[in-house]
């Protein structure tokens, strides 16, 4: 009985054919693993070599587009040339954009890669619309533009004021320009002194004093006074002081047709 149970636990003997099949299966499994590992190694090597190859792609051309009047394409290329060591693929376009937009005459810049060897640069120049003080300029956003070659813009209107007042004074100037245009008057200068007093100079030689508050109200009063009394006056108006509550002080030019009159101004 015991012998019968021991015999029943014995494994069936493998034939030569089954042993060969098992060995072949293990060989196939090993070969498959070896092929997979080899493929991964090859793929990794290809990717590494490819990345190194792309990294080494140099920037051979810099193409600059945009309407340039104060900037030279050669100057822009020179600024960028020192920043191209990483090759075309790994350029930090955001840093290059900041570098260009830090230049005095550059308002905005966009850059993009064009494979295999070209960096495209699109530039929008600053557009000065007023002088700020004696040497700087203001753009349409009242941002100060520091330039050294602004001779061609010397005929722009001049705005002066304390640091930080650029946007407010630009807004006042634009309001003056808009409201005076129907009267064929143009503001050529606007200044604010250390006490906050506003002074505007017009293209006809008139000086307009607007004080330190109620800008819109005083401008409106001046427009009414000009239309009703000053526009067709017999004498040239040189100065109008609107700092009086409900009134104004007007200074006229000399009137040589009246013999013996020596005073240069006469209040009204």
C-alpha atoms as a PDB file:
ATOM      1  CA  UNK A   1       0.000   0.000   0.000  1.00  0.00           C
ATOM      2  CA  UNK A   2       2.818   2.401   1.001  1.00  0.00           C
ATOM      3  CA  UNK A   3       4.787   1.506  -2.092  1.00  0.00           C
ATOM      4  CA  UNK A   4       1.769   2.226  -4.218  1.00  0.00           C
ATOM      5  CA  UNK A   5       1.411   5.702  -2.716  1.00  0.00           C
ATOM      6  CA  UNK A   6       5.119   6.452  -3.268  1.00  0.00           C
ATOM      7  CA  UNK A   7       4.841   5.376  -6.875  1.00  0.00           C
ATOM      8  CA  UNK A   8       1.837   7.648  -7.345  1.00  0.00           C
ATOM      9  CA  UNK A   9       3.917  10.684  -6.267  1.00  0.00           C
ATOM     10  CA  UNK A  10       6.680  10.098  -8.817  1.00  0.00           C
ATOM     11  CA  UNK A  11       6.817  12.552 -11.687  1.00  0.00           C
ATOM     12  CA  UNK A  12       6.320  11.148 -15.112  1.00  0.00           C
ATOM     13  CA  UNK A  13       9.594  10.770 -16.973  1.00  0.00           C
ATOM     14  CA  UNK A  14      10.313  13.425 -19.609  1.00  0.00           C
ATOM     15  CA  UNK A  15      10.979  12.210 -23.019  1.00  0.00           C
ATOM     16  CA  UNK A  16      13.924  13.498 -25.072  1.00  0.00           C
ATOM     17  CA  UNK A  17      11.510  15.447 -27.247  1.00  0.00           C
ATOM     18  CA  UNK A  18       9.919  17.318 -24.306  1.00  0.00           C
ATOM     19  CA  UNK A  19      13.325  18.168 -22.842  1.00  0.00           C
ATOM     20  CA  UNK A  20      14.433  19.615 -26.170  1.00  0.00           C
ATOM     21  CA  UNK A  21      11.292  21.712 -26.408  1.00  0.00           C
ATOM     22  CA  UNK A  22      11.853  23.136 -22.894  1.00  0.00           C
ATOM     23  CA  UNK A  23      15.455  24.027 -23.668  1.00  0.00           C
ATOM     24  CA  UNK A  24      14.405  25.681 -26.926  1.00  0.00           C
ATOM     25  CA  UNK A  25      11.727  27.715 -25.128  1.00  0.00           C
ATOM     26  CA  UNK A  26      14.275  28.959 -22.589  1.00  0.00           C
ATOM     27  CA  UNK A  27      16.672  29.881 -25.385  1.00  0.00           C
ATOM     28  CA  UNK A  28      13.972  31.799 -27.215  1.00  0.00           C
ATOM     29  CA  UNK A  29      13.090  33.687 -24.019  1.00  0.00           C
ATOM     30  CA  UNK A  30      16.736  34.598 -23.429  1.00  0.00           C
ATOM     31  CA  UNK A  31      17.231  35.705 -27.019  1.00  0.00           C
ATOM     32  CA  UNK A  32      14.083  37.863 -26.816  1.00  0.00           C
ATOM     33  CA  UNK A  33      15.340  39.602 -23.688  1.00  0.00           C
ATOM     34  CA  UNK A  34      18.766  40.087 -25.265  1.00  0.00           C
ATOM     35  CA  UNK A  35      17.221  41.563 -28.416  1.00  0.00           C
ATOM     36  CA  UNK A  36      15.054  43.932 -26.348  1.00  0.00           C
ATOM     37  CA  UNK A  37      17.993  45.138 -24.290  1.00  0.00           C
ATOM     38  CA  UNK A  38      20.093  45.574 -27.408  1.00  0.00           C
ATOM     39  CA  UNK A  39      17.308  47.515 -29.135  1.00  0.00           C
ATOM     40  CA  UNK A  40      16.973  49.817 -26.160  1.00  0.00           C
ATOM     41  CA  UNK A  41      20.701  50.425 -26.104  1.00  0.00           C
ATOM     42  CA  UNK A  42      20.733  51.171 -29.815  1.00  0.00           C
ATOM     43  CA  UNK A  43      17.717  53.484 -29.504  1.00  0.00           C
ATOM     44  CA  UNK A  44      19.299  55.299 -26.588  1.00  0.00           C
ATOM     45  CA  UNK A  45      22.520  55.733 -28.530  1.00  0.00           C
ATOM     46  CA  UNK A  46      20.640  57.059 -31.557  1.00  0.00           C
ATOM     47  CA  UNK A  47      18.674  59.490 -29.435  1.00  0.00           C
ATOM     48  CA  UNK A  48      21.806  60.692 -27.680  1.00  0.00           C
ATOM     49  CA  UNK A  49      23.685  61.140 -30.931  1.00  0.00           C
ATOM     50  CA  UNK A  50      20.657  62.831 -32.459  1.00  0.00           C
ATOM     51  CA  UNK A  51      20.345  65.250 -29.550  1.00  0.00           C
ATOM     52  CA  UNK A  52      24.044  66.029 -29.721  1.00  0.00           C
ATOM     53  CA  UNK A  53      23.711  66.591 -33.426  1.00  0.00           C
ATOM     54  CA  UNK A  54      20.770  68.923 -32.977  1.00  0.00           C
ATOM     55  CA  UNK A  55      22.563  70.721 -30.181  1.00  0.00           C
ATOM     56  CA  UNK A  56      25.453  71.403 -32.468  1.00  0.00           C
ATOM     57  CA  UNK A  57      23.274  72.836 -35.259  1.00  0.00           C
ATOM     58  CA  UNK A  58      24.659  76.375 -35.594  1.00  0.00           C
ATOM     59  CA  UNK A  59      22.670  79.477 -36.443  1.00  0.00           C
ATOM     60  CA  UNK A  60      23.986  80.351 -39.868  1.00  0.00           C
ATOM     61  CA  UNK A  61      21.495  83.119 -40.724  1.00  0.00           C
ATOM     62  CA  UNK A  62      19.591  85.800 -38.801  1.00  0.00           C
ATOM     63  CA  UNK A  63      16.674  87.199 -40.805  1.00  0.00           C
ATOM     64  CA  UNK A  64      15.301  90.527 -39.493  1.00  0.00           C
ATOM     65  CA  UNK A  65      11.848  91.728 -40.575  1.00  0.00           C
ATOM     66  CA  UNK A  66       9.788  94.792 -39.714  1.00  0.00           C
ATOM     67  CA  UNK A  67       9.784  98.440 -40.739  1.00  0.00           C
ATOM     68  CA  UNK A  68      13.068  99.823 -39.413  1.00  0.00           C
ATOM     69  CA  UNK A  69      13.826 103.535 -39.498  1.00  0.00           C
ATOM     70  CA  UNK A  70      16.048 104.086 -36.480  1.00  0.00           C
ATOM     71  CA  UNK A  71      17.484 100.584 -36.124  1.00  0.00           C
ATOM     72  CA  UNK A  72      20.066  98.911 -38.331  1.00  0.00           C
ATOM     73  CA  UNK A  73      19.715  95.211 -39.086  1.00  0.00           C
ATOM     74  CA  UNK A  74      23.461  94.809 -38.653  1.00  0.00           C
ATOM     75  CA  UNK A  75      23.242  96.242 -35.122  1.00  0.00           C
ATOM     76  CA  UNK A  76      20.495  93.769 -34.186  1.00  0.00           C
ATOM     77  CA  UNK A  77      22.522  90.862 -35.543  1.00  0.00           C
ATOM     78  CA  UNK A  78      25.543  91.971 -33.551  1.00  0.00           C
ATOM     79  CA  UNK A  79      23.501  92.042 -30.346  1.00  0.00           C
ATOM     80  CA  UNK A  80      22.219  88.508 -30.990  1.00  0.00           C
ATOM     81  CA  UNK A  81      25.483  86.988 -32.215  1.00  0.00           C
ATOM     82  CA  UNK A  82      26.914  86.655 -28.706  1.00  0.00           C
ATOM     83  CA  UNK A  83      23.847  84.711 -27.525  1.00  0.00           C
ATOM     84  CA  UNK A  84      23.847  81.893 -30.093  1.00  0.00           C
ATOM     85  CA  UNK A  85      26.393  79.466 -28.627  1.00  0.00           C
ATOM     86  CA  UNK A  86      23.778  76.838 -27.686  1.00  0.00           C
ATOM     87  CA  UNK A  87      22.799  76.176 -31.273  1.00  0.00           C
ATOM     88  CA  UNK A  88      19.467  76.696 -32.982  1.00  0.00           C
ATOM     89  CA  UNK A  89      17.450  74.045 -31.122  1.00  0.00           C
ATOM     90  CA  UNK A  90      18.404  75.049 -27.597  1.00  0.00           C
ATOM     91  CA  UNK A  91      18.201  78.829 -27.940  1.00  0.00           C
ATOM     92  CA  UNK A  92      16.277  80.528 -25.146  1.00  0.00           C
ATOM     93  CA  UNK A  93      13.977  82.650 -27.291  1.00  0.00           C
ATOM     94  CA  UNK A  94      12.440  84.371 -24.274  1.00  0.00           C
ATOM     95  CA  UNK A  95      15.840  85.627 -23.106  1.00  0.00           C
ATOM     96  CA  UNK A  96      16.707  86.790 -26.616  1.00  0.00           C
ATOM     97  CA  UNK A  97      13.402  88.653 -26.827  1.00  0.00           C
ATOM     98  CA  UNK A  98      14.155  90.452 -23.551  1.00  0.00           C
ATOM     99  CA  UNK A  99      17.631  91.331 -24.805  1.00  0.00           C
ATOM    100  CA  UNK A 100      16.218  92.971 -27.918  1.00  0.00           C
ATOM    101  CA  UNK A 101      13.403  94.773 -26.120  1.00  0.00           C
ATOM    102  CA  UNK A 102      15.945  96.345 -23.773  1.00  0.00           C
ATOM    103  CA  UNK A 103      17.384  98.232 -26.741  1.00  0.00           C
ATOM    104  CA  UNK A 104      16.345 101.918 -26.838  1.00  0.00           C
ATOM    105  CA  UNK A 105      14.400 101.911 -30.125  1.00  0.00           C
ATOM    106  CA  UNK A 106      12.821  98.438 -29.854  1.00  0.00           C
ATOM    107  CA  UNK A 107       9.185  98.422 -28.718  1.00  0.00           C
ATOM    108  CA  UNK A 108       8.504  94.703 -29.269  1.00  0.00           C
ATOM    109  CA  UNK A 109      10.338  91.692 -30.723  1.00  0.00           C
ATOM    110  CA  UNK A 110       9.357  88.156 -31.716  1.00  0.00           C
ATOM    111  CA  UNK A 111      11.738  85.315 -32.566  1.00  0.00           C
ATOM    112  CA  UNK A 112      11.286  81.854 -34.064  1.00  0.00           C
ATOM    113  CA  UNK A 113      13.458  79.028 -35.353  1.00  0.00           C
ATOM    114  CA  UNK A 114      13.438  78.033 -38.985  1.00  0.00           C
ATOM    115  CA  UNK A 115      15.336  74.782 -39.459  1.00  0.00           C
ATOM    116  CA  UNK A 116      17.928  73.895 -40.322  1.00  0.00           C
ATOM    117  CA  UNK A 117      19.993  77.026 -39.671  1.00  0.00           C
ATOM    118  CA  UNK A 118      17.916  80.242 -39.493  1.00  0.00           C
ATOM    119  CA  UNK A 119      16.696  82.482 -36.679  1.00  0.00           C
ATOM    120  CA  UNK A 120      13.855  84.811 -37.700  1.00  0.00           C
ATOM    121  CA  UNK A 121      13.494  88.098 -35.824  1.00  0.00           C
ATOM    122  CA  UNK A 122      10.493  90.417 -36.184  1.00  0.00           C
ATOM    123  CA  UNK A 123      10.917  93.885 -34.655  1.00  0.00           C
ATOM    124  CA  UNK A 124       8.465  96.732 -33.987  1.00  0.00           C
ATOM    125  CA  UNK A 125      10.185 100.059 -33.429  1.00  0.00           C
ATOM    126  CA  UNK A 126       9.317 102.585 -30.781  1.00  0.00           C
ATOM    127  CA  UNK A 127       7.264 105.486 -32.111  1.00  0.00           C
ATOM    128  CA  UNK A 128       8.043 108.733 -30.252  1.00  0.00           C
ATOM    129  CA  UNK A 129       5.089 111.104 -30.038  1.00  0.00           C
ATOM    130  CA  UNK A 130       6.589 113.707 -27.690  1.00  0.00           C
ATOM    131  CA  UNK A 131       9.909 114.851 -26.294  1.00  0.00           C
ATOM    132  CA  UNK A 132      10.430 114.314 -22.585  1.00  0.00           C
ATOM    133  CA  UNK A 133      12.673 117.013 -21.187  1.00  0.00           C
ATOM    134  CA  UNK A 134      15.675 117.821 -23.345  1.00  0.00           C
ATOM    135  CA  UNK A 135      17.027 114.407 -24.379  1.00  0.00           C
ATOM    136  CA  UNK A 136      14.432 111.651 -23.905  1.00  0.00           C
ATOM    137  CA  UNK A 137      11.175 110.842 -25.683  1.00  0.00           C
ATOM    138  CA  UNK A 138       7.792 109.369 -24.821  1.00  0.00           C
ATOM    139  CA  UNK A 139       6.027 106.698 -26.850  1.00  0.00           C
ATOM    140  CA  UNK A 140       2.263 106.215 -27.177  1.00  0.00           C
ATOM    141  CA  UNK A 141       2.186 104.447 -23.795  1.00  0.00           C
ATOM    142  CA  UNK A 142       4.001 107.355 -22.100  1.00  0.00           C
ATOM    143  CA  UNK A 143       7.062 105.155 -21.634  1.00  0.00           C
ATOM    144  CA  UNK A 144      10.393 106.965 -21.656  1.00  0.00           C
ATOM    145  CA  UNK A 145      12.646 106.160 -24.614  1.00  0.00           C
ATOM    146  CA  UNK A 146      16.317 106.906 -24.023  1.00  0.00           C
ATOM    147  CA  UNK A 147      18.067 107.547 -27.349  1.00  0.00           C
ATOM    148  CA  UNK A 148      21.211 109.299 -28.514  1.00  0.00           C
ATOM    149  CA  UNK A 149      20.267 109.901 -32.149  1.00  0.00           C
ATOM    150  CA  UNK A 150      16.953 111.707 -31.840  1.00  0.00           C
ATOM    151  CA  UNK A 151      17.728 114.777 -33.931  1.00  0.00           C
ATOM    152  CA  UNK A 152      15.021 113.940 -36.442  1.00  0.00           C
ATOM    153  CA  UNK A 153      12.386 114.092 -33.691  1.00  0.00           C
ATOM    154  CA  UNK A 154      13.215 117.546 -32.365  1.00  0.00           C
ATOM    155  CA  UNK A 155      10.045 119.027 -33.868  1.00  0.00           C
ATOM    156  CA  UNK A 156       7.817 116.883 -31.671  1.00  0.00           C
ATOM    157  CA  UNK A 157       5.922 118.618 -28.851  1.00  0.00           C
ATOM    158  CA  UNK A 158       7.838 118.862 -25.588  1.00  0.00           C
ATOM    159  CA  UNK A 159       6.532 117.650 -22.238  1.00  0.00           C
ATOM    160  CA  UNK A 160       8.312 118.375 -18.953  1.00  0.00           C
ATOM    161  CA  UNK A 161       7.513 117.305 -15.435  1.00  0.00           C
ATOM    162  CA  UNK A 162       8.605 115.413 -12.339  1.00  0.00           C
ATOM    163  CA  UNK A 163       9.676 111.788 -12.581  1.00  0.00           C
ATOM    164  CA  UNK A 164       6.604 109.580 -12.515  1.00  0.00           C
ATOM    165  CA  UNK A 165       4.276 112.164 -14.064  1.00  0.00           C
ATOM    166  CA  UNK A 166       4.772 110.976 -17.658  1.00  0.00           C
ATOM    167  CA  UNK A 167       1.429 109.191 -18.086  1.00  0.00           C
ATOM    168  CA  UNK A 168      -0.611 111.948 -16.421  1.00  0.00           C
ATOM    169  CA  UNK A 169       1.021 114.727 -18.435  1.00  0.00           C
ATOM    170  CA  UNK A 170       0.694 112.734 -21.640  1.00  0.00           C
ATOM    171  CA  UNK A 171      -3.012 112.379 -20.928  1.00  0.00           C
ATOM    172  CA  UNK A 172      -3.293 116.150 -20.355  1.00  0.00           C
ATOM    173  CA  UNK A 173      -1.439 116.827 -23.592  1.00  0.00           C
ATOM    174  CA  UNK A 174      -3.695 114.515 -25.596  1.00  0.00           C
ATOM    175  CA  UNK A 175      -6.740 116.230 -24.093  1.00  0.00           C
ATOM    176  CA  UNK A 176      -5.365 119.652 -25.039  1.00  0.00           C
ATOM    177  CA  UNK A 177      -4.629 118.461 -28.571  1.00  0.00           C
ATOM    178  CA  UNK A 178      -8.121 117.066 -28.989  1.00  0.00           C
ATOM    179  CA  UNK A 179      -9.990 120.058 -27.582  1.00  0.00           C
ATOM    180  CA  UNK A 180      -7.905 122.781 -29.272  1.00  0.00           C
ATOM    181  CA  UNK A 181      -7.915 121.261 -32.759  1.00  0.00           C
ATOM    182  CA  UNK A 182     -11.387 122.603 -33.695  1.00  0.00           C
ATOM    183  CA  UNK A 183     -10.061 126.096 -32.911  1.00  0.00           C
ATOM    184  CA  UNK A 184      -7.050 125.630 -35.200  1.00  0.00           C
ATOM    185  CA  UNK A 185      -4.759 125.751 -32.165  1.00  0.00           C
ATOM    186  CA  UNK A 186      -2.064 123.188 -31.420  1.00  0.00           C
ATOM    187  CA  UNK A 187      -0.185 122.689 -28.149  1.00  0.00           C
ATOM    188  CA  UNK A 188       3.581 122.532 -28.777  1.00  0.00           C
ATOM    189  CA  UNK A 189       4.692 122.218 -25.143  1.00  0.00           C
ATOM    190  CA  UNK A 190       3.263 121.252 -21.771  1.00  0.00           C
ATOM    191  CA  UNK A 191       5.157 121.545 -18.495  1.00  0.00           C
ATOM    192  CA  UNK A 192       4.542 121.069 -14.798  1.00  0.00           C
ATOM    193  CA  UNK A 193       6.747 122.865 -12.272  1.00  0.00           C
ATOM    194  CA  UNK A 194       7.789 121.751  -8.798  1.00  0.00           C
ATOM    195  CA  UNK A 195       4.581 123.215  -7.358  1.00  0.00           C
ATOM    196  CA  UNK A 196       2.313 121.262  -9.705  1.00  0.00           C
ATOM    197  CA  UNK A 197       1.449 124.282 -11.865  1.00  0.00           C
ATOM    198  CA  UNK A 198       0.633 123.450 -15.492  1.00  0.00           C
ATOM    199  CA  UNK A 199       1.737 125.631 -18.414  1.00  0.00           C
ATOM    200  CA  UNK A 200       0.927 125.019 -22.074  1.00  0.00           C
ATOM    201  CA  UNK A 201       2.486 126.759 -25.076  1.00  0.00           C
ATOM    202  CA  UNK A 202       0.484 126.908 -28.297  1.00  0.00           C
ATOM    203  CA  UNK A 203       1.678 127.145 -31.882  1.00  0.00           C
ATOM    204  CA  UNK A 204       0.459 130.754 -32.182  1.00  0.00           C
ATOM    205  CA  UNK A 205       2.782 131.865 -29.379  1.00  0.00           C
ATOM    206  CA  UNK A 206       0.146 131.933 -26.655  1.00  0.00           C
ATOM    207  CA  UNK A 207       1.019 130.757 -23.157  1.00  0.00           C
ATOM    208  CA  UNK A 208      -1.827 129.117 -21.276  1.00  0.00           C
ATOM    209  CA  UNK A 209      -1.604 128.846 -17.487  1.00  0.00           C
ATOM    210  CA  UNK A 210      -3.831 126.118 -16.068  1.00  0.00           C
ATOM    211  CA  UNK A 211      -2.777 125.881 -12.430  1.00  0.00           C
ATOM    212  CA  UNK A 212      -2.513 122.800 -10.263  1.00  0.00           C
ATOM    213  CA  UNK A 213      -6.093 121.476 -10.225  1.00  0.00           C
ATOM    214  CA  UNK A 214      -9.412 121.471 -12.132  1.00  0.00           C
ATOM    215  CA  UNK A 215      -7.601 120.889 -15.426  1.00  0.00           C
ATOM    216  CA  UNK A 216     -10.717 119.932 -17.425  1.00  0.00           C
ATOM    217  CA  UNK A 217     -12.852 122.735 -15.975  1.00  0.00           C
ATOM    218  CA  UNK A 218     -10.243 125.419 -16.662  1.00  0.00           C
ATOM    219  CA  UNK A 219      -9.629 124.131 -20.160  1.00  0.00           C
ATOM    220  CA  UNK A 220     -13.359 124.300 -20.859  1.00  0.00           C
ATOM    221  CA  UNK A 221     -13.480 127.877 -19.591  1.00  0.00           C
ATOM    222  CA  UNK A 222     -10.560 128.831 -21.817  1.00  0.00           C
ATOM    223  CA  UNK A 223     -12.283 127.373 -24.875  1.00  0.00           C
ATOM    224  CA  UNK A 224     -15.406 129.400 -24.135  1.00  0.00           C
ATOM    225  CA  UNK A 225     -13.374 132.585 -23.564  1.00  0.00           C
ATOM    226  CA  UNK A 226     -11.387 132.086 -26.770  1.00  0.00           C
ATOM    227  CA  UNK A 227     -14.499 131.624 -28.903  1.00  0.00           C
ATOM    228  CA  UNK A 228     -16.405 134.541 -27.417  1.00  0.00           C
ATOM    229  CA  UNK A 229     -13.750 137.233 -26.861  1.00  0.00           C
ATOM    230  CA  UNK A 230     -10.207 136.344 -27.925  1.00  0.00           C
ATOM    231  CA  UNK A 231     -10.393 134.537 -31.244  1.00  0.00           C
ATOM    232  CA  UNK A 232     -11.211 137.725 -33.189  1.00  0.00           C
ATOM    233  CA  UNK A 233      -9.491 140.214 -30.904  1.00  0.00           C
ATOM    234  CA  UNK A 234      -7.722 143.155 -32.534  1.00  0.00           C
ATOM    235  CA  UNK A 235      -4.538 142.476 -30.602  1.00  0.00           C
ATOM    236  CA  UNK A 236      -2.397 139.348 -30.359  1.00  0.00           C
ATOM    237  CA  UNK A 237      -3.040 137.385 -27.189  1.00  0.00           C
ATOM    238  CA  UNK A 238       0.216 136.350 -25.524  1.00  0.00           C
ATOM    239  CA  UNK A 239      -0.880 134.874 -22.214  1.00  0.00           C
ATOM    240  CA  UNK A 240      -4.088 133.634 -20.640  1.00  0.00           C
ATOM    241  CA  UNK A 241      -4.107 132.809 -16.937  1.00  0.00           C
ATOM    242  CA  UNK A 242      -7.016 130.536 -16.028  1.00  0.00           C
ATOM    243  CA  UNK A 243      -6.124 130.178 -12.341  1.00  0.00           C
ATOM    244  CA  UNK A 244      -8.844 132.601 -11.231  1.00  0.00           C
ATOM    245  CA  UNK A 245     -12.146 131.264  -9.933  1.00  0.00           C
ATOM    246  CA  UNK A 246     -14.744 132.169 -12.516  1.00  0.00           C
ATOM    247  CA  UNK A 247     -12.459 134.467 -14.501  1.00  0.00           C
ATOM    248  CA  UNK A 248      -9.152 134.849 -16.337  1.00  0.00           C
ATOM    249  CA  UNK A 249      -6.274 137.277 -16.766  1.00  0.00           C
ATOM    250  CA  UNK A 250      -5.337 138.051 -20.366  1.00  0.00           C
ATOM    251  CA  UNK A 251      -2.103 139.660 -21.568  1.00  0.00           C
ATOM    252  CA  UNK A 252      -1.927 141.142 -25.071  1.00  0.00           C
ATOM    253  CA  UNK A 253       1.018 141.890 -27.297  1.00  0.00           C
ATOM    254  CA  UNK A 254       2.389 145.402 -27.789  1.00  0.00           C
ATOM    255  CA  UNK A 255       0.226 147.735 -29.917  1.00  0.00           C
ATOM    256  CA  UNK A 256       2.661 149.977 -31.822  1.00  0.00           C
ATOM    257  CA  UNK A 257      -0.097 151.675 -33.828  1.00  0.00           C
ATOM    258  CA  UNK A 258      -0.913 153.762 -30.743  1.00  0.00           C
ATOM    259  CA  UNK A 259       1.815 156.379 -30.495  1.00  0.00           C
ATOM    260  CA  UNK A 260       3.423 156.771 -27.104  1.00  0.00           C
ATOM    261  CA  UNK A 261       2.159 153.421 -25.727  1.00  0.00           C
ATOM    262  CA  UNK A 262       5.183 151.801 -24.102  1.00  0.00           C
ATOM    263  CA  UNK A 263       3.746 149.043 -21.931  1.00  0.00           C
ATOM    264  CA  UNK A 264       4.189 145.558 -23.414  1.00  0.00           C
ATOM    265  CA  UNK A 265       1.131 143.956 -21.917  1.00  0.00           C
ATOM    266  CA  UNK A 266      -2.301 145.108 -20.939  1.00  0.00           C
ATOM    267  CA  UNK A 267      -4.620 143.181 -18.655  1.00  0.00           C
ATOM    268  CA  UNK A 268      -8.175 142.515 -19.526  1.00  0.00           C
END
